Amino acid sequence: MKKITLFVILVVLCSSAFAGNLGLKSIAPKIGLAMPENLDTTFYLGVGAKMGEITDNLELVPFLGFWSSGKDELGWDWSFSDFQFGADVHYGIKGVEGLYGGGGLSFNIFTSKWEYTYLGQKHDDSDSEFKIGFDILAGYETPIGSKTAFAEIKYNIINDFNTLEITVGVNFDLKK
């Protein structure tokens, strides 16, 4: 909990340093696939928020995301999920309208649950772990009417549990 509190304080302090240019500009629900190491590909659900430019051509995009995967092997029922929150910075590629690259920091809360039957008795347990990840991403966005659609690929590098995410979504502009 202390790490989360420290993160929130740092975000508020950094945001206030750029307060003239930052503010909630758009919100973007997204769906896609998560491909965690050593697990099956699974459904990804998330949301991002464009906060504006930190400096010329660098845009702040905080996000929330979730995925869950499970297996049933040798009588063990096992599931693993990741709730993530963090912030990325998008850098618009000059000369190619809509294309961007970037990176950021993610905070991941991993939860594993398992259940098995032994001698006719059911047993279950769970465990949670907090890990920090570093994101590398690339994406492309294009206008569709009054909104902007996007496709993004992100690699979340975590000490011992990397995940590739491929998502699509729509930015809903809040400035108007």
Protein backbone atom coordinates (compact mmCIF):
# COMPACT_ATOMS: atom_id res chain seq x y z
CA MET A 1 0.00 0.00 0.00
CA LYS A 2 2.92 2.36 0.69
CA LYS A 3 4.14 1.90 -2.91
CA ILE A 4 0.72 2.83 -4.30
CA THR A 5 0.52 5.92 -2.09
CA LEU A 6 4.02 6.99 -3.17
CA PHE A 7 3.07 6.50 -6.82
CA VAL A 8 -0.06 8.65 -6.46
CA ILE A 9 1.93 11.41 -4.74
CA LEU A 10 4.57 11.37 -7.51
CA VAL A 11 1.91 11.52 -10.23
CA VAL A 12 0.21 14.50 -8.54
CA LEU A 13 3.53 16.33 -8.10
CA CYS A 14 4.62 15.67 -11.68
CA SER A 15 1.20 16.63 -13.02
CA SER A 16 1.19 19.91 -11.14
CA ALA A 17 4.56 20.79 -12.69
CA PHE A 18 2.90 20.63 -16.13
CA ALA A 19 -0.56 21.74 -14.98
CA GLY A 20 -0.93 24.39 -17.67
CA ASN A 21 -1.04 21.79 -20.45
CA LEU A 22 -2.42 18.70 -18.74
CA GLY A 23 -5.99 17.72 -18.07
CA LEU A 24 -8.37 14.98 -19.10
CA LYS A 25 -8.65 15.30 -22.90
CA SER A 26 -10.17 11.94 -23.89
CA ILE A 27 -10.98 8.52 -22.54
CA ALA A 28 -10.36 5.33 -24.50
CA PRO A 29 -11.82 1.92 -23.70
CA LYS A 30 -9.84 -0.88 -25.34
CA ILE A 31 -10.08 -4.62 -25.85
CA GLY A 32 -7.67 -7.17 -27.19
CA LEU A 33 -5.44 -10.10 -26.41
CA ALA A 34 -2.87 -10.61 -23.66
CA MET A 35 -0.11 -13.16 -24.24
CA PRO A 36 1.59 -13.75 -20.89
CA GLU A 37 4.71 -15.91 -20.75
CA ASN A 38 4.00 -19.57 -19.91
CA LEU A 39 0.21 -19.10 -20.03
CA ASP A 40 -2.47 -19.31 -22.70
CA THR A 41 -3.42 -16.25 -24.72
CA THR A 42 -6.38 -14.55 -23.09
CA PHE A 43 -8.81 -11.65 -23.41
CA TYR A 44 -7.61 -8.17 -22.34
CA LEU A 45 -9.86 -5.34 -21.17
CA GLY A 46 -8.63 -1.83 -20.39
CA VAL A 47 -9.09 1.91 -20.52
CA GLY A 48 -6.69 4.77 -21.14
CA ALA A 49 -7.00 8.53 -20.69
CA LYS A 50 -5.19 11.10 -22.79
CA MET A 51 -4.03 13.87 -20.48
CA GLY A 52 -2.37 16.15 -23.03
CA GLU A 53 1.23 16.94 -23.90
CA ILE A 54 3.93 16.92 -21.25
CA THR A 55 6.20 18.67 -23.70
CA ASP A 56 6.28 19.06 -27.48
CA ASN A 57 5.14 15.77 -29.07
CA LEU A 58 5.10 13.75 -25.78
CA GLU A 59 1.61 12.85 -24.56
CA LEU A 60 0.79 11.44 -21.09
CA VAL A 61 -1.62 8.45 -21.14
CA PRO A 62 -2.49 6.82 -17.79
CA PHE A 63 -4.24 3.44 -18.04
CA LEU A 64 -5.98 0.57 -16.26
CA GLY A 65 -6.02 -2.99 -17.58
CA PHE A 66 -7.04 -6.52 -16.66
CA TRP A 67 -6.60 -10.05 -17.97
CA SER A 68 -7.06 -13.52 -16.51
CA SER A 69 -5.96 -16.97 -17.66
CA GLY A 70 -6.43 -20.44 -16.23
CA LYS A 71 -5.59 -24.11 -16.62
CA ASP A 72 -6.95 -27.44 -15.48
CA GLU A 73 -4.10 -29.97 -15.24
CA LEU A 74 -3.86 -33.26 -13.38
CA GLY A 75 -6.80 -32.43 -11.14
CA TRP A 76 -5.58 -28.94 -10.32
CA ASP A 77 -7.80 -26.02 -11.29
CA TRP A 78 -5.54 -22.96 -11.53
CA SER A 79 -6.16 -19.32 -12.52
CA PHE A 80 -3.87 -16.33 -12.79
CA SER A 81 -4.87 -12.68 -13.28
CA ASP A 82 -3.20 -9.30 -13.64
CA PHE A 83 -4.78 -5.99 -12.66
CA GLN A 84 -2.51 -3.23 -13.92
CA PHE A 85 -2.42 0.52 -13.67
CA GLY A 86 0.21 3.00 -14.73
CA ALA A 87 1.10 5.65 -17.26
CA ASP A 88 2.65 5.63 -20.71
CA VAL A 89 4.13 8.43 -22.76
CA HIS A 90 3.31 8.49 -26.48
CA TYR A 91 5.73 10.05 -28.94
CA GLY A 92 4.18 11.00 -32.28
CA ILE A 93 6.43 9.89 -35.15
CA LYS A 94 7.14 12.94 -37.27
CA GLY A 95 6.26 12.58 -40.93
CA VAL A 96 3.79 9.71 -40.39
CA GLU A 97 0.41 11.02 -39.27
CA GLY A 98 -1.17 8.83 -36.56
CA LEU A 99 1.86 6.61 -35.85
CA TYR A 100 3.36 6.71 -32.36
CA GLY A 101 5.83 4.88 -30.17
CA GLY A 102 6.49 5.13 -26.49
CA GLY A 103 6.90 3.53 -23.15
CA GLY A 104 5.93 3.79 -19.55
CA LEU A 105 5.62 2.29 -16.13
CA SER A 106 2.99 -0.20 -14.96
CA PHE A 107 2.07 -1.44 -11.53
CA ASN A 108 0.78 -5.01 -11.65
CA ILE A 109 -1.19 -6.87 -9.01
CA PHE A 110 -0.95 -10.56 -9.85
CA THR A 111 -3.39 -12.96 -8.24
CA SER A 112 -3.13 -16.73 -8.50
CA LYS A 113 -5.79 -19.14 -7.26
CA TRP A 114 -5.69 -22.90 -7.26
CA GLU A 115 -8.03 -25.68 -6.28
CA TYR A 116 -7.52 -29.44 -6.09
CA THR A 117 -9.14 -32.52 -4.61
CA TYR A 118 -7.11 -34.89 -2.42
CA LEU A 119 -8.60 -38.01 -0.81
CA GLY A 120 -12.09 -36.74 -1.63
CA GLN A 121 -11.53 -33.40 0.08
CA LYS A 122 -11.45 -30.11 -1.81
CA HIS A 123 -8.56 -27.71 -1.10
CA ASP A 124 -8.03 -24.21 -2.39
CA ASP A 125 -5.69 -21.30 -1.85
CA SER A 126 -4.70 -18.00 -3.39
CA ASP A 127 -1.80 -15.59 -3.43
CA SER A 128 -1.26 -12.01 -4.60
CA GLU A 129 1.91 -10.21 -5.56
CA PHE A 130 2.71 -6.62 -6.56
CA LYS A 131 5.27 -6.06 -9.34
CA ILE A 132 6.48 -3.07 -11.32
CA GLY A 133 6.74 -3.37 -15.09
CA PHE A 134 8.21 -1.26 -17.87
CA ASP A 135 6.22 -0.86 -21.08
CA ILE A 136 7.41 -0.51 -24.67
CA LEU A 137 4.69 0.23 -27.20
CA ALA A 138 3.80 1.22 -30.74
CA GLY A 139 0.45 2.23 -32.13
CA TYR A 140 -1.50 3.88 -34.87
CA GLU A 141 -4.57 6.08 -34.57
CA THR A 142 -6.94 7.37 -37.25
CA PRO A 143 -10.04 9.58 -37.19
CA ILE A 144 -13.44 7.92 -37.61
CA GLY A 145 -16.08 10.62 -37.59
CA SER A 146 -15.77 12.68 -34.40
CA LYS A 147 -13.74 9.96 -32.62
CA THR A 148 -10.31 8.43 -33.08
CA ALA A 149 -9.79 4.67 -33.43
CA PHE A 150 -6.46 3.11 -32.54
CA ALA A 151 -4.54 -0.16 -32.59
CA GLU A 152 -1.65 -0.71 -30.20
CA ILE A 153 0.92 -3.34 -29.38
CA LYS A 154 2.58 -3.20 -25.96
CA TYR A 155 5.25 -5.34 -24.33
CA ASN A 156 5.09 -5.22 -20.53
CA ILE A 157 8.51 -6.18 -19.14
CA ILE A 158 8.25 -7.53 -15.61
CA ASN A 159 11.11 -9.11 -13.72
CA ASP A 160 9.96 -12.69 -14.29
CA PHE A 161 6.62 -12.41 -16.08
CA ASN A 162 6.56 -10.51 -19.39
CA THR A 163 3.32 -9.99 -21.32
CA LEU A 164 2.56 -8.97 -24.90
CA GLU A 165 -0.72 -7.07 -25.34
CA ILE A 166 -2.41 -6.32 -28.66
CA THR A 167 -5.40 -3.99 -28.34
CA VAL A 168 -7.82 -1.84 -30.31
CA GLY A 169 -10.01 0.95 -29.03
CA VAL A 170 -11.69 4.30 -29.57
CA ASN A 171 -10.79 7.68 -28.05
CA PHE A 172 -13.84 9.63 -26.91
CA ASP A 173 -12.90 13.32 -26.96
CA LEU A 174 -13.95 15.18 -23.78
CA LYS A 175 -12.73 18.63 -24.83
CA LYS A 176 -15.84 19.54 -26.85
